[in-house]
Each structure stands twice: as C-alpha cells, then as structure tokens.
Amino acid sequence: MDQNNKLYIGNLEFSVTTDELKELFAQFGTVTDAIVMVDKFSGRSRGFGFVTFATDKEASEAQLKMAEQDFKGRKLIVSVARPMSRDNNAGGGGFRPRNNFSRDDRGGNRGGRY
C-alpha cells in the first residue's frame, strides 16, 4: 500500500521548532505527526523535518500550497517523503578491529583458533 500522507519539509530556518512546523501545516488538515530533525550530538536543527497528515488528500494540498513558500525568510522545499533505504542510510563503513583472528594486509592468518 503506497501512502503519500507524509511530507518531507526542507530548507527550514534552524530556529523552527516541531510545534511551529505542526502549526504551520495544520491549516491544511489533521496533522497526525510532525518533527524537526535535530543533530543527536549538538541538539541543533538539521534544517528539515517531516509532517504526516491523516489523509493523502490533505498532504497533497499542503504540498501544492506550501512548496516554495517563504517561512521565516526561507523558501520551503516540500515533497512526499520517501522511505529510507538500506543503501542511503547514515552510518556505513563498518568498523573492523584488527585482532588475532583477522587477516592482515599481507593476506596471512594472524593466528588463533576459531
């Protein structure tokens, strides 16, 4: 089932709060969820968020009317949110510690039993 009731909201001014985002989009229908994404280390806004509506129709109207609209001095980017795939998620690059059970750069086994 393809749901288009969750919107990505980009180019947010860094002082925008989740409550302000929800209030801004509530004029288009029932907002069931809203969030401004923040950096987990600094706590600072990352400049984007998500708004979820009760229906696809409400989300579609909000997208049409709010795309490129000025909010706190910035033109909003509004699009249907895409699910995060395994290919583009944050993190990547696994940590592989060197120990007696791993192969070294020369291709040899560094000892130890499995």
PDB file of N, CA and C in Angstrom:
ATOM      1  N   MET A   1       0.854  -1.180   0.000  1.00  0.00           N
ATOM      2  CA  MET A   1       0.000   0.000   0.000  1.00  0.00           C
ATOM      3  C   MET A   1       0.896   1.237   0.000  1.00  0.00           C
ATOM      4  N   ASP A   2       0.723   2.068  -1.021  1.00  0.00           N
ATOM      5  CA  ASP A   2       1.541   3.258  -1.171  1.00  0.00           C
ATOM      6  C   ASP A   2       0.862   4.443  -0.488  1.00  0.00           C
ATOM      7  N   GLN A   3       1.484   4.969   0.546  1.00  0.00           N
ATOM      8  CA  GLN A   3       0.899   6.086   1.279  1.00  0.00           C
ATOM      9  C   GLN A   3       1.677   7.356   0.965  1.00  0.00           C
ATOM     10  N   ASN A   4       0.951   8.396   0.635  1.00  0.00           N
ATOM     11  CA  ASN A   4       1.575   9.680   0.313  1.00  0.00           C
ATOM     12  C   ASN A   4       1.149  10.759   1.290  1.00  0.00           C
ATOM     13  N   ASN A   5       0.916  10.373   2.544  1.00  0.00           N
ATOM     14  CA  ASN A   5       0.454  11.362   3.511  1.00  0.00           C
ATOM     15  C   ASN A   5       1.573  11.906   4.402  1.00  0.00           C
ATOM     16  N   LYS A   6       2.810  11.491   4.162  1.00  0.00           N
ATOM     17  CA  LYS A   6       3.953  12.003   4.925  1.00  0.00           C
ATOM     18  C   LYS A   6       4.796  12.873   4.007  1.00  0.00           C
ATOM     19  N   LEU A   7       5.027  14.099   4.445  1.00  0.00           N
ATOM     20  CA  LEU A   7       5.772  15.062   3.644  1.00  0.00           C
ATOM     21  C   LEU A   7       7.138  15.359   4.253  1.00  0.00           C
ATOM     22  N   TYR A   8       8.104  15.516   3.385  1.00  0.00           N
ATOM     23  CA  TYR A   8       9.439  15.999   3.756  1.00  0.00           C
ATOM     24  C   TYR A   8       9.388  17.520   3.637  1.00  0.00           C
ATOM     25  N   ILE A   9       9.851  18.221   4.649  1.00  0.00           N
ATOM     26  CA  ILE A   9       9.891  19.680   4.636  1.00  0.00           C
ATOM     27  C   ILE A   9      11.352  20.091   4.786  1.00  0.00           C
ATOM     28  N   GLY A  10      11.905  20.675   3.731  1.00  0.00           N
ATOM     29  CA  GLY A  10      13.314  21.043   3.746  1.00  0.00           C
ATOM     30  C   GLY A  10      13.522  22.543   3.702  1.00  0.00           C
ATOM     31  N   ASN A  11      14.766  22.939   3.904  1.00  0.00           N
ATOM     32  CA  ASN A  11      15.205  24.333   3.919  1.00  0.00           C
ATOM     33  C   ASN A  11      14.573  25.126   5.057  1.00  0.00           C
ATOM     34  N   LEU A  12      14.377  24.453   6.197  1.00  0.00           N
ATOM     35  CA  LEU A  12      13.827  25.134   7.368  1.00  0.00           C
ATOM     36  C   LEU A  12      14.899  26.014   8.012  1.00  0.00           C
ATOM     37  N   GLU A  13      14.470  27.157   8.500  1.00  0.00           N
ATOM     38  CA  GLU A  13      15.347  28.011   9.289  1.00  0.00           C
ATOM     39  C   GLU A  13      15.678  27.229  10.562  1.00  0.00           C
ATOM     40  N   PHE A  14      16.898  27.314  11.037  1.00  0.00           N
ATOM     41  CA  PHE A  14      17.355  26.461  12.128  1.00  0.00           C
ATOM     42  C   PHE A  14      16.653  26.696  13.467  1.00  0.00           C
ATOM     43  N   SER A  15      15.941  27.811  13.614  1.00  0.00           N
ATOM     44  CA  SER A  15      15.232  28.066  14.868  1.00  0.00           C
ATOM     45  C   SER A  15      13.822  27.490  14.892  1.00  0.00           C
ATOM     46  N   VAL A  16      13.349  26.928  13.770  1.00  0.00           N
ATOM     47  CA  VAL A  16      11.984  26.392  13.697  1.00  0.00           C
ATOM     48  C   VAL A  16      11.851  25.187  14.620  1.00  0.00           C
ATOM     49  N   THR A  17      10.774  25.182  15.407  1.00  0.00           N
ATOM     50  CA  THR A  17      10.517  24.079  16.335  1.00  0.00           C
ATOM     51  C   THR A  17       9.484  23.125  15.737  1.00  0.00           C
ATOM     52  N   THR A  18       9.381  21.957  16.330  1.00  0.00           N
ATOM     53  CA  THR A  18       8.381  20.979  15.903  1.00  0.00           C
ATOM     54  C   THR A  18       6.979  21.550  16.037  1.00  0.00           C
ATOM     55  N   ASP A  19       6.699  22.256  17.129  1.00  0.00           N
ATOM     56  CA  ASP A  19       5.374  22.852  17.329  1.00  0.00           C
ATOM     57  C   ASP A  19       5.058  23.878  16.243  1.00  0.00           C
ATOM     58  N   GLU A  20       6.036  24.685  15.864  1.00  0.00           N
ATOM     59  CA  GLU A  20       5.818  25.677  14.806  1.00  0.00           C
ATOM     60  C   GLU A  20       5.547  25.001  13.467  1.00  0.00           C
ATOM     61  N   LEU A  21       6.265  23.927  13.186  1.00  0.00           N
ATOM     62  CA  LEU A  21       6.070  23.192  11.941  1.00  0.00           C
ATOM     63  C   LEU A  21       4.662  22.599  11.891  1.00  0.00           C
ATOM     64  N   LYS A  22       4.253  21.990  12.990  1.00  0.00           N
ATOM     65  CA  LYS A  22       2.914  21.399  13.067  1.00  0.00           C
ATOM     66  C   LYS A  22       1.843  22.462  12.894  1.00  0.00           C
ATOM     67  N   GLU A  23       2.010  23.582  13.550  1.00  0.00           N
ATOM     68  CA  GLU A  23       1.041  24.679  13.465  1.00  0.00           C
ATOM     69  C   GLU A  23       0.959  25.236  12.039  1.00  0.00           C
ATOM     70  N   LEU A  24       2.086  25.375  11.379  1.00  0.00           N
ATOM     71  CA  LEU A  24       2.127  25.897  10.014  1.00  0.00           C
ATOM     72  C   LEU A  24       1.328  25.020   9.054  1.00  0.00           C
ATOM     73  N   PHE A  25       1.439  23.701   9.201  1.00  0.00           N
ATOM     74  CA  PHE A  25       0.787  22.785   8.269  1.00  0.00           C
ATOM     75  C   PHE A  25      -0.617  22.374   8.698  1.00  0.00           C
ATOM     76  N   ALA A  26      -1.025  22.675   9.926  1.00  0.00           N
ATOM     77  CA  ALA A  26      -2.356  22.306  10.411  1.00  0.00           C
ATOM     78  C   ALA A  26      -3.480  22.991   9.632  1.00  0.00           C
ATOM     79  N   GLN A  27      -3.176  24.071   8.938  1.00  0.00           N
ATOM     80  CA  GLN A  27      -4.198  24.772   8.152  1.00  0.00           C
ATOM     81  C   GLN A  27      -4.712  23.926   6.985  1.00  0.00           C
ATOM     82  N   PHE A  28      -4.005  22.842   6.652  1.00  0.00           N
ATOM     83  CA  PHE A  28      -4.391  22.007   5.520  1.00  0.00           C
ATOM     84  C   PHE A  28      -5.100  20.722   5.930  1.00  0.00           C
ATOM     85  N   GLY A  29      -5.202  20.469   7.222  1.00  0.00           N
ATOM     86  CA  GLY A  29      -5.895  19.275   7.683  1.00  0.00           C
ATOM     87  C   GLY A  29      -5.340  18.781   9.003  1.00  0.00           C
ATOM     88  N   THR A  30      -5.675  17.556   9.320  1.00  0.00           N
ATOM     89  CA  THR A  30      -5.262  16.951  10.581  1.00  0.00           C
ATOM     90  C   THR A  30      -3.828  16.454  10.481  1.00  0.00           C
ATOM     91  N   VAL A  31      -2.954  17.087  11.249  1.00  0.00           N
ATOM     92  CA  VAL A  31      -1.550  16.666  11.308  1.00  0.00           C
ATOM     93  C   VAL A  31      -1.446  15.617  12.412  1.00  0.00           C
ATOM     94  N   THR A  32      -1.119  14.400  12.007  1.00  0.00           N
ATOM     95  CA  THR A  32      -1.023  13.312  12.984  1.00  0.00           C
ATOM     96  C   THR A  32       0.367  13.217  13.609  1.00  0.00           C
ATOM     97  N   ASP A  33       1.373  13.768  12.913  1.00  0.00           N
ATOM     98  CA  ASP A  33       2.731  13.749  13.446  1.00  0.00           C
ATOM     99  C   ASP A  33       3.553  14.836  12.753  1.00  0.00           C
ATOM    100  N   ALA A  34       4.436  15.436  13.489  1.00  0.00           N
ATOM    101  CA  ALA A  34       5.365  16.429  12.933  1.00  0.00           C
ATOM    102  C   ALA A  34       6.644  16.367  13.742  1.00  0.00           C
ATOM    103  N   ILE A  35       7.760  16.548  13.036  1.00  0.00           N
ATOM    104  CA  ILE A  35       9.047  16.530  13.734  1.00  0.00           C
ATOM    105  C   ILE A  35      10.072  17.335  12.946  1.00  0.00           C
ATOM    106  N   VAL A  36      10.846  18.122  13.667  1.00  0.00           N
ATOM    107  CA  VAL A  36      12.019  18.783  13.097  1.00  0.00           C
ATOM    108  C   VAL A  36      13.203  17.924  13.518  1.00  0.00           C
ATOM    109  N   MET A  37      13.989  17.498  12.555  1.00  0.00           N
ATOM    110  CA  MET A  37      15.119  16.624  12.845  1.00  0.00           C
ATOM    111  C   MET A  37      16.265  17.438  13.455  1.00  0.00           C
ATOM    112  N   VAL A  38      16.861  16.889  14.506  1.00  0.00           N
ATOM    113  CA  VAL A  38      17.970  17.559  15.181  1.00  0.00           C
ATOM    114  C   VAL A  38      19.191  16.648  15.210  1.00  0.00           C
ATOM    115  N   ASP A  39      20.351  17.263  15.241  1.00  0.00           N
ATOM    116  CA  ASP A  39      21.608  16.524  15.346  1.00  0.00           C
ATOM    117  C   ASP A  39      21.675  15.900  16.732  1.00  0.00           C
ATOM    118  N   LYS A  40      21.993  14.599  16.791  1.00  0.00           N
ATOM    119  CA  LYS A  40      21.976  13.923  18.091  1.00  0.00           C
ATOM    120  C   LYS A  40      23.112  14.345  19.009  1.00  0.00           C
ATOM    121  N   PHE A  41      24.152  14.931  18.463  1.00  0.00           N
ATOM    122  CA  PHE A  41      25.269  15.357  19.309  1.00  0.00           C
ATOM    123  C   PHE A  41      25.137  16.801  19.764  1.00  0.00           C
ATOM    124  N   SER A  42      24.796  17.700  18.852  1.00  0.00           N
ATOM    125  CA  SER A  42      24.727  19.120  19.201  1.00  0.00           C
ATOM    126  C   SER A  42      23.334  19.559  19.635  1.00  0.00           C
ATOM    127  N   GLY A  43      22.293  18.804  19.243  1.00  0.00           N
ATOM    128  CA  GLY A  43      20.929  19.201  19.555  1.00  0.00           C
ATOM    129  C   GLY A  43      20.405  20.287  18.631  1.00  0.00           C
ATOM    130  N   ARG A  44      21.208  20.683  17.646  1.00  0.00           N
ATOM    131  CA  ARG A  44      20.834  21.754  16.714  1.00  0.00           C
ATOM    132  C   ARG A  44      19.984  21.183  15.580  1.00  0.00           C
ATOM    133  N   SER A  45      19.040  21.978  15.100  1.00  0.00           N
ATOM    134  CA  SER A  45      18.202  21.565  13.983  1.00  0.00           C
ATOM    135  C   SER A  45      19.065  21.221  12.779  1.00  0.00           C
ATOM    136  N   ARG A  46      18.625  20.222  12.014  1.00  0.00           N
ATOM    137  CA  ARG A  46      19.326  19.842  10.791  1.00  0.00           C
ATOM    138  C   ARG A  46      18.730  20.552   9.578  1.00  0.00           C
ATOM    139  N   GLY A  47      17.699  21.389   9.793  1.00  0.00           N
ATOM    140  CA  GLY A  47      17.141  22.185   8.707  1.00  0.00           C
ATOM    141  C   GLY A  47      16.073  21.479   7.884  1.00  0.00           C
ATOM    142  N   PHE A  48      15.590  20.356   8.386  1.00  0.00           N
ATOM    143  CA  PHE A  48      14.488  19.677   7.703  1.00  0.00           C
ATOM    144  C   PHE A  48      13.649  18.915   8.717  1.00  0.00           C
ATOM    145  N   GLY A  49      12.471  18.509   8.263  1.00  0.00           N
ATOM    146  CA  GLY A  49      11.577  17.757   9.130  1.00  0.00           C
ATOM    147  C   GLY A  49      10.548  17.008   8.313  1.00  0.00           C
ATOM    148  N   PHE A  50       9.579  16.445   9.017  1.00  0.00           N
ATOM    149  CA  PHE A  50       8.530  15.664   8.381  1.00  0.00           C
ATOM    150  C   PHE A  50       7.191  16.020   9.010  1.00  0.00           C
ATOM    151  N   VAL A  51       6.158  16.032   8.172  1.00  0.00           N
ATOM    152  CA  VAL A  51       4.793  16.266   8.634  1.00  0.00           C
ATOM    153  C   VAL A  51       3.939  15.149   8.053  1.00  0.00           C
ATOM    154  N   THR A  52       3.152  14.495   8.910  1.00  0.00           N
ATOM    155  CA  THR A  52       2.263  13.423   8.467  1.00  0.00           C
ATOM    156  C   THR A  52       0.827  13.872   8.657  1.00  0.00           C
ATOM    157  N   PHE A  53       0.024  13.702   7.603  1.00  0.00           N
ATOM    158  CA  PHE A  53      -1.386  14.079   7.633  1.00  0.00           C
ATOM    159  C   PHE A  53      -2.258  12.842   7.770  1.00  0.00           C
ATOM    160  N   ALA A  54      -3.508  13.059   8.164  1.00  0.00           N
ATOM    161  CA  ALA A  54      -4.463  11.962   8.306  1.00  0.00           C
ATOM    162  C   ALA A  54      -4.801  11.348   6.951  1.00  0.00           C
ATOM    163  N   THR A  55      -4.806  12.156   5.889  1.00  0.00           N
ATOM    164  CA  THR A  55      -5.159  11.636   4.562  1.00  0.00           C
ATOM    165  C   THR A  55      -4.156  12.094   3.505  1.00  0.00           C
ATOM    166  N   ASP A  56      -4.104  11.329   2.417  1.00  0.00           N
ATOM    167  CA  ASP A  56      -3.261  11.693   1.276  1.00  0.00           C
ATOM    168  C   ASP A  56      -3.721  13.011   0.662  1.00  0.00           C
ATOM    169  N   LYS A  57      -5.033  13.241   0.650  1.00  0.00           N
ATOM    170  CA  LYS A  57      -5.593  14.459   0.050  1.00  0.00           C
ATOM    171  C   LYS A  57      -5.097  15.715   0.789  1.00  0.00           C
ATOM    172  N   GLU A  58      -5.089  15.663   2.106  1.00  0.00           N
ATOM    173  CA  GLU A  58      -4.598  16.795   2.899  1.00  0.00           C
ATOM    174  C   GLU A  58      -3.112  17.038   2.629  1.00  0.00           C
ATOM    175  N   ALA A  59      -2.360  15.965   2.563  1.00  0.00           N
ATOM    176  CA  ALA A  59      -0.918  16.092   2.310  1.00  0.00           C
ATOM    177  C   ALA A  59      -0.667  16.675   0.927  1.00  0.00           C
ATOM    178  N   SER A  60      -1.439  16.230  -0.058  1.00  0.00           N
ATOM    179  CA  SER A  60      -1.287  16.726  -1.425  1.00  0.00           C
ATOM    180  C   SER A  60      -1.574  18.222  -1.512  1.00  0.00           C
ATOM    181  N   GLU A  61      -2.627  18.668  -0.834  1.00  0.00           N
ATOM    182  CA  GLU A  61      -2.960  20.096  -0.825  1.00  0.00           C
ATOM    183  C   GLU A  61      -1.851  20.911  -0.147  1.00  0.00           C
ATOM    184  N   ALA A  62      -1.345  20.410   0.970  1.00  0.00           N
ATOM    185  CA  ALA A  62      -0.271  21.104   1.681  1.00  0.00           C
ATOM    186  C   ALA A  62       0.979  21.189   0.806  1.00  0.00           C
ATOM    187  N   GLN A  63       1.285  20.123   0.102  1.00  0.00           N
ATOM    188  CA  GLN A  63       2.457  20.116  -0.767  1.00  0.00           C
ATOM    189  C   GLN A  63       2.319  21.162  -1.866  1.00  0.00           C
ATOM    190  N   LEU A  64       1.172  21.200  -2.500  1.00  0.00           N
ATOM    191  CA  LEU A  64       0.942  22.163  -3.589  1.00  0.00           C
ATOM    192  C   LEU A  64       1.010  23.617  -3.120  1.00  0.00           C
ATOM    193  N   LYS A  65       0.430  23.872  -1.957  1.00  0.00           N
ATOM    194  CA  LYS A  65       0.328  25.262  -1.490  1.00  0.00           C
ATOM    195  C   LYS A  65       1.551  25.759  -0.726  1.00  0.00           C
ATOM    196  N   MET A  66       2.339  24.848  -0.147  1.00  0.00           N
ATOM    197  CA  MET A  66       3.469  25.289   0.674  1.00  0.00           C
ATOM    198  C   MET A  66       4.827  25.208  -0.025  1.00  0.00           C
ATOM    199  N   ALA A  67       4.909  24.472  -1.136  1.00  0.00           N
ATOM    200  CA  ALA A  67       6.183  24.384  -1.858  1.00  0.00           C
ATOM    201  C   ALA A  67       6.605  25.773  -2.322  1.00  0.00           C
ATOM    202  N   GLU A  68       7.844  26.121  -2.040  1.00  0.00           N
ATOM    203  CA  GLU A  68       8.434  27.412  -2.425  1.00  0.00           C
ATOM    204  C   GLU A  68       7.880  28.611  -1.649  1.00  0.00           C
ATOM    205  N   GLN A  69       7.054  28.354  -0.618  1.00  0.00           N
ATOM    206  CA  GLN A  69       6.533  29.456   0.192  1.00  0.00           C
ATOM    207  C   GLN A  69       7.584  29.905   1.199  1.00  0.00           C
ATOM    208  N   ASP A  70       7.599  31.187   1.477  1.00  0.00           N
ATOM    209  CA  ASP A  70       8.549  31.744   2.436  1.00  0.00           C
ATOM    210  C   ASP A  70       8.068  31.474   3.860  1.00  0.00           C
ATOM    211  N   PHE A  71       8.964  30.947   4.675  1.00  0.00           N
ATOM    212  CA  PHE A  71       8.691  30.759   6.097  1.00  0.00           C
ATOM    213  C   PHE A  71       9.950  31.122   6.860  1.00  0.00           C
ATOM    214  N   LYS A  72       9.841  32.195   7.638  1.00  0.00           N
ATOM    215  CA  LYS A  72      10.967  32.710   8.424  1.00  0.00           C
ATOM    216  C   LYS A  72      12.183  33.021   7.547  1.00  0.00           C
ATOM    217  N   GLY A  73      11.912  33.570   6.363  1.00  0.00           N
ATOM    218  CA  GLY A  73      12.993  34.018   5.498  1.00  0.00           C
ATOM    219  C   GLY A  73      13.579  32.971   4.572  1.00  0.00           C
ATOM    220  N   ARG A  74      12.987  31.796   4.518  1.00  0.00           N
ATOM    221  CA  ARG A  74      13.482  30.729   3.635  1.00  0.00           C
ATOM    222  C   ARG A  74      12.332  30.146   2.825  1.00  0.00           C
ATOM    223  N   LYS A  75      12.634  29.777   1.579  1.00  0.00           N
ATOM    224  CA  LYS A  75      11.635  29.126   0.736  1.00  0.00           C
ATOM    225  C   LYS A  75      11.627  27.637   1.043  1.00  0.00           C
ATOM    226  N   LEU A  76      10.467  27.136   1.443  1.00  0.00           N
ATOM    227  CA  LEU A  76      10.349  25.749   1.842  1.00  0.00           C
ATOM    228  C   LEU A  76      10.435  24.792   0.654  1.00  0.00           C
ATOM    229  N   ILE A  77      11.049  23.663   0.893  1.00  0.00           N
ATOM    230  CA  ILE A  77      11.043  22.547  -0.051  1.00  0.00           C
ATOM    231  C   ILE A  77      10.056  21.545   0.538  1.00  0.00           C
ATOM    232  N   VAL A  78       9.024  21.199  -0.230  1.00  0.00           N
ATOM    233  CA  VAL A  78       8.005  20.281   0.261  1.00  0.00           C
ATOM    234  C   VAL A  78       7.811  19.179  -0.768  1.00  0.00           C
ATOM    235  N   SER A  79       7.985  17.943  -0.333  1.00  0.00           N
ATOM    236  CA  SER A  79       7.789  16.803  -1.231  1.00  0.00           C
ATOM    237  C   SER A  79       7.293  15.605  -0.436  1.00  0.00           C
ATOM    238  N   VAL A  80       6.780  14.622  -1.148  1.00  0.00           N
ATOM    239  CA  VAL A  80       6.350  13.391  -0.492  1.00  0.00           C
ATOM    240  C   VAL A  80       7.593  12.700   0.055  1.00  0.00           C
ATOM    241  N   ALA A  81       7.526  12.313   1.319  1.00  0.00           N
ATOM    242  CA  ALA A  81       8.666  11.645   1.959  1.00  0.00           C
ATOM    243  C   ALA A  81       8.856  10.258   1.367  1.00  0.00           C
ATOM    244  N   ARG A  82      10.105   9.903   1.143  1.00  0.00           N
ATOM    245  CA  ARG A  82      10.446   8.571   0.651  1.00  0.00           C
ATOM    246  C   ARG A  82      10.958   7.745   1.820  1.00  0.00           C
ATOM    247  N   PRO A  83      10.641   6.460   1.837  1.00  0.00           N
ATOM    248  CA  PRO A  83      11.169   5.618   2.912  1.00  0.00           C
ATOM    249  C   PRO A  83      12.686   5.540   2.824  1.00  0.00           C
ATOM    250  N   MET A  84      13.337   5.491   3.969  1.00  0.00           N
ATOM    251  CA  MET A  84      14.789   5.392   3.993  1.00  0.00           C
ATOM    252  C   MET A  84      15.180   3.985   3.576  1.00  0.00           C
ATOM    253  N   SER A  85      16.070   3.890   2.607  1.00  0.00           N
ATOM    254  CA  SER A  85      16.508   2.570   2.156  1.00  0.00           C
ATOM    255  C   SER A  85      17.812   2.200   2.843  1.00  0.00           C
ATOM    256  N   ARG A  86      18.151   0.951   2.772  1.00  0.00           N
ATOM    257  CA  ARG A  86      19.404   0.495   3.373  1.00  0.00           C
ATOM    258  C   ARG A  86      20.608   1.089   2.669  1.00  0.00           C
ATOM    259  N   ASP A  87      20.453   1.442   1.390  1.00  0.00           N
ATOM    260  CA  ASP A  87      21.573   1.956   0.613  1.00  0.00           C
ATOM    261  C   ASP A  87      21.973   3.374   0.986  1.00  0.00           C
ATOM    262  N   ASN A  88      21.010   4.187   1.440  1.00  0.00           N
ATOM    263  CA  ASN A  88      21.337   5.588   1.693  1.00  0.00           C
ATOM    264  C   ASN A  88      21.203   5.995   3.150  1.00  0.00           C
ATOM    265  N   ASN A  89      21.221   5.023   4.060  1.00  0.00           N
ATOM    266  CA  ASN A  89      21.111   5.413   5.464  1.00  0.00           C
ATOM    267  C   ASN A  89      22.470   5.866   5.999  1.00  0.00           C
ATOM    268  N   ALA A  90      22.405   6.589   7.070  1.00  0.00           N
ATOM    269  CA  ALA A  90      23.637   7.117   7.661  1.00  0.00           C
ATOM    270  C   ALA A  90      24.416   5.988   8.321  1.00  0.00           C
ATOM    271  N   GLY A  91      25.651   6.200   8.536  1.00  0.00           N
ATOM    272  CA  GLY A  91      26.477   5.217   9.215  1.00  0.00           C
ATOM    273  C   GLY A  91      27.506   4.650   8.278  1.00  0.00           C
ATOM    274  N   GLY A  92      27.146   3.589   7.612  1.00  0.00           N
ATOM    275  CA  GLY A  92      28.016   2.963   6.623  1.00  0.00           C
ATOM    276  C   GLY A  92      29.402   2.656   7.156  1.00  0.00           C
ATOM    277  N   GLY A  93      30.249   2.154   6.300  1.00  0.00           N
ATOM    278  CA  GLY A  93      31.654   1.940   6.632  1.00  0.00           C
ATOM    279  C   GLY A  93      31.870   1.209   7.919  1.00  0.00           C
ATOM    280  N   GLY A  94      31.663  -0.062   7.935  1.00  0.00           N
ATOM    281  CA  GLY A  94      31.774  -0.834   9.169  1.00  0.00           C
ATOM    282  C   GLY A  94      33.148  -0.759   9.810  1.00  0.00           C
ATOM    283  N   PHE A  95      33.181  -0.817  11.107  1.00  0.00           N
ATOM    284  CA  PHE A  95      34.423  -0.806  11.874  1.00  0.00           C
ATOM    285  C   PHE A  95      34.915  -2.238  11.995  1.00  0.00           C
ATOM    286  N   ARG A  96      36.123  -2.479  11.560  1.00  0.00           N
ATOM    287  CA  ARG A  96      36.697  -3.819  11.645  1.00  0.00           C
ATOM    288  C   ARG A  96      37.985  -3.754  12.452  1.00  0.00           C
ATOM    289  N   PRO A  97      37.908  -4.111  13.719  1.00  0.00           N
ATOM    290  CA  PRO A  97      39.116  -4.031  14.545  1.00  0.00           C
ATOM    291  C   PRO A  97      40.123  -5.087  14.124  1.00  0.00           C
ATOM    292  N   ARG A  98      41.377  -4.745  14.272  1.00  0.00           N
ATOM    293  CA  ARG A  98      42.444  -5.705  13.989  1.00  0.00           C
ATOM    294  C   ARG A  98      42.724  -6.477  15.274  1.00  0.00           C
ATOM    295  N   ASN A  99      42.626  -7.788  15.156  1.00  0.00           N
ATOM    296  CA  ASN A  99      42.948  -8.614  16.311  1.00  0.00           C
ATOM    297  C   ASN A  99      43.578  -9.917  15.802  1.00  0.00           C
ATOM    298  N   ASN A 100      43.828 -10.832  16.655  1.00  0.00           N
ATOM    299  CA  ASN A 100      44.490 -12.070  16.264  1.00  0.00           C
ATOM    300  C   ASN A 100      43.653 -12.966  15.369  1.00  0.00           C
ATOM    301  N   PHE A 101      42.391 -12.662  15.212  1.00  0.00           N
ATOM    302  CA  PHE A 101      41.522 -13.515  14.414  1.00  0.00           C
ATOM    303  C   PHE A 101      41.227 -12.934  13.039  1.00  0.00           C
ATOM    304  N   SER A 102      41.786 -11.773  12.695  1.00  0.00           N
ATOM    305  CA  SER A 102      41.517 -11.177  11.384  1.00  0.00           C
ATOM    306  C   SER A 102      42.720 -11.348  10.476  1.00  0.00           C
ATOM    307  N   ARG A 103      42.478 -11.198   9.200  1.00  0.00           N
ATOM    308  CA  ARG A 103      43.559 -11.320   8.224  1.00  0.00           C
ATOM    309  C   ARG A 103      44.260  -9.970   8.116  1.00  0.00           C
ATOM    310  N   ASP A 104      45.585 -10.006   8.008  1.00  0.00           N
ATOM    311  CA  ASP A 104      46.306  -8.742   7.872  1.00  0.00           C
ATOM    312  C   ASP A 104      46.413  -8.342   6.405  1.00  0.00           C
ATOM    313  N   ASP A 105      47.035  -7.207   6.120  1.00  0.00           N
ATOM    314  CA  ASP A 105      47.146  -6.680   4.764  1.00  0.00           C
ATOM    315  C   ASP A 105      47.937  -7.580   3.825  1.00  0.00           C
ATOM    316  N   ARG A 106      48.769  -8.449   4.358  1.00  0.00           N
ATOM    317  CA  ARG A 106      49.570  -9.341   3.517  1.00  0.00           C
ATOM    318  C   ARG A 106      48.806 -10.607   3.162  1.00  0.00           C
ATOM    319  N   GLY A 107      47.595 -10.747   3.668  1.00  0.00           N
ATOM    320  CA  GLY A 107      46.790 -11.886   3.332  1.00  0.00           C
ATOM    321  C   GLY A 107      47.000 -13.094   4.226  1.00  0.00           C
ATOM    322  N   GLY A 108      47.870 -12.989   5.193  1.00  0.00           N
ATOM    323  CA  GLY A 108      48.145 -14.125   6.071  1.00  0.00           C
ATOM    324  C   GLY A 108      47.198 -14.186   7.243  1.00  0.00           C
ATOM    325  N   ASN A 109      47.101 -15.360   7.824  1.00  0.00           N
ATOM    326  CA  ASN A 109      46.278 -15.526   9.009  1.00  0.00           C
ATOM    327  C   ASN A 109      47.149 -15.197  10.213  1.00  0.00           C
ATOM    328  N   ARG A 110      46.653 -14.385  11.118  1.00  0.00           N
ATOM    329  CA  ARG A 110      47.448 -13.908  12.258  1.00  0.00           C
ATOM    330  C   ARG A 110      47.343 -14.839  13.469  1.00  0.00           C
ATOM    331  N   GLY A 111      46.965 -16.058  13.263  1.00  0.00           N
ATOM    332  CA  GLY A 111      46.964 -16.993  14.370  1.00  0.00           C
ATOM    333  C   GLY A 111      45.622 -17.085  15.069  1.00  0.00           C
ATOM    334  N   GLY A 112      45.637 -17.859  16.152  1.00  0.00           N
ATOM    335  CA  GLY A 112      44.415 -18.051  16.931  1.00  0.00           C
ATOM    336  C   GLY A 112      43.534 -19.130  16.336  1.00  0.00           C
ATOM    337  N   ARG A 113      42.746 -19.754  17.184  1.00  0.00           N
ATOM    338  CA  ARG A 113      41.811 -20.775  16.714  1.00  0.00           C
ATOM    339  C   ARG A 113      40.406 -20.211  16.737  1.00  0.00           C
ATOM    340  N   TYR A 114      39.585 -20.733  15.868  1.00  0.00           N
ATOM    341  CA  TYR A 114      38.210 -20.230  15.767  1.00  0.00           C
ATOM    342  C   TYR A 114      37.335 -21.004  16.657  1.00  0.00           C
TER     343      TYR A 114
END
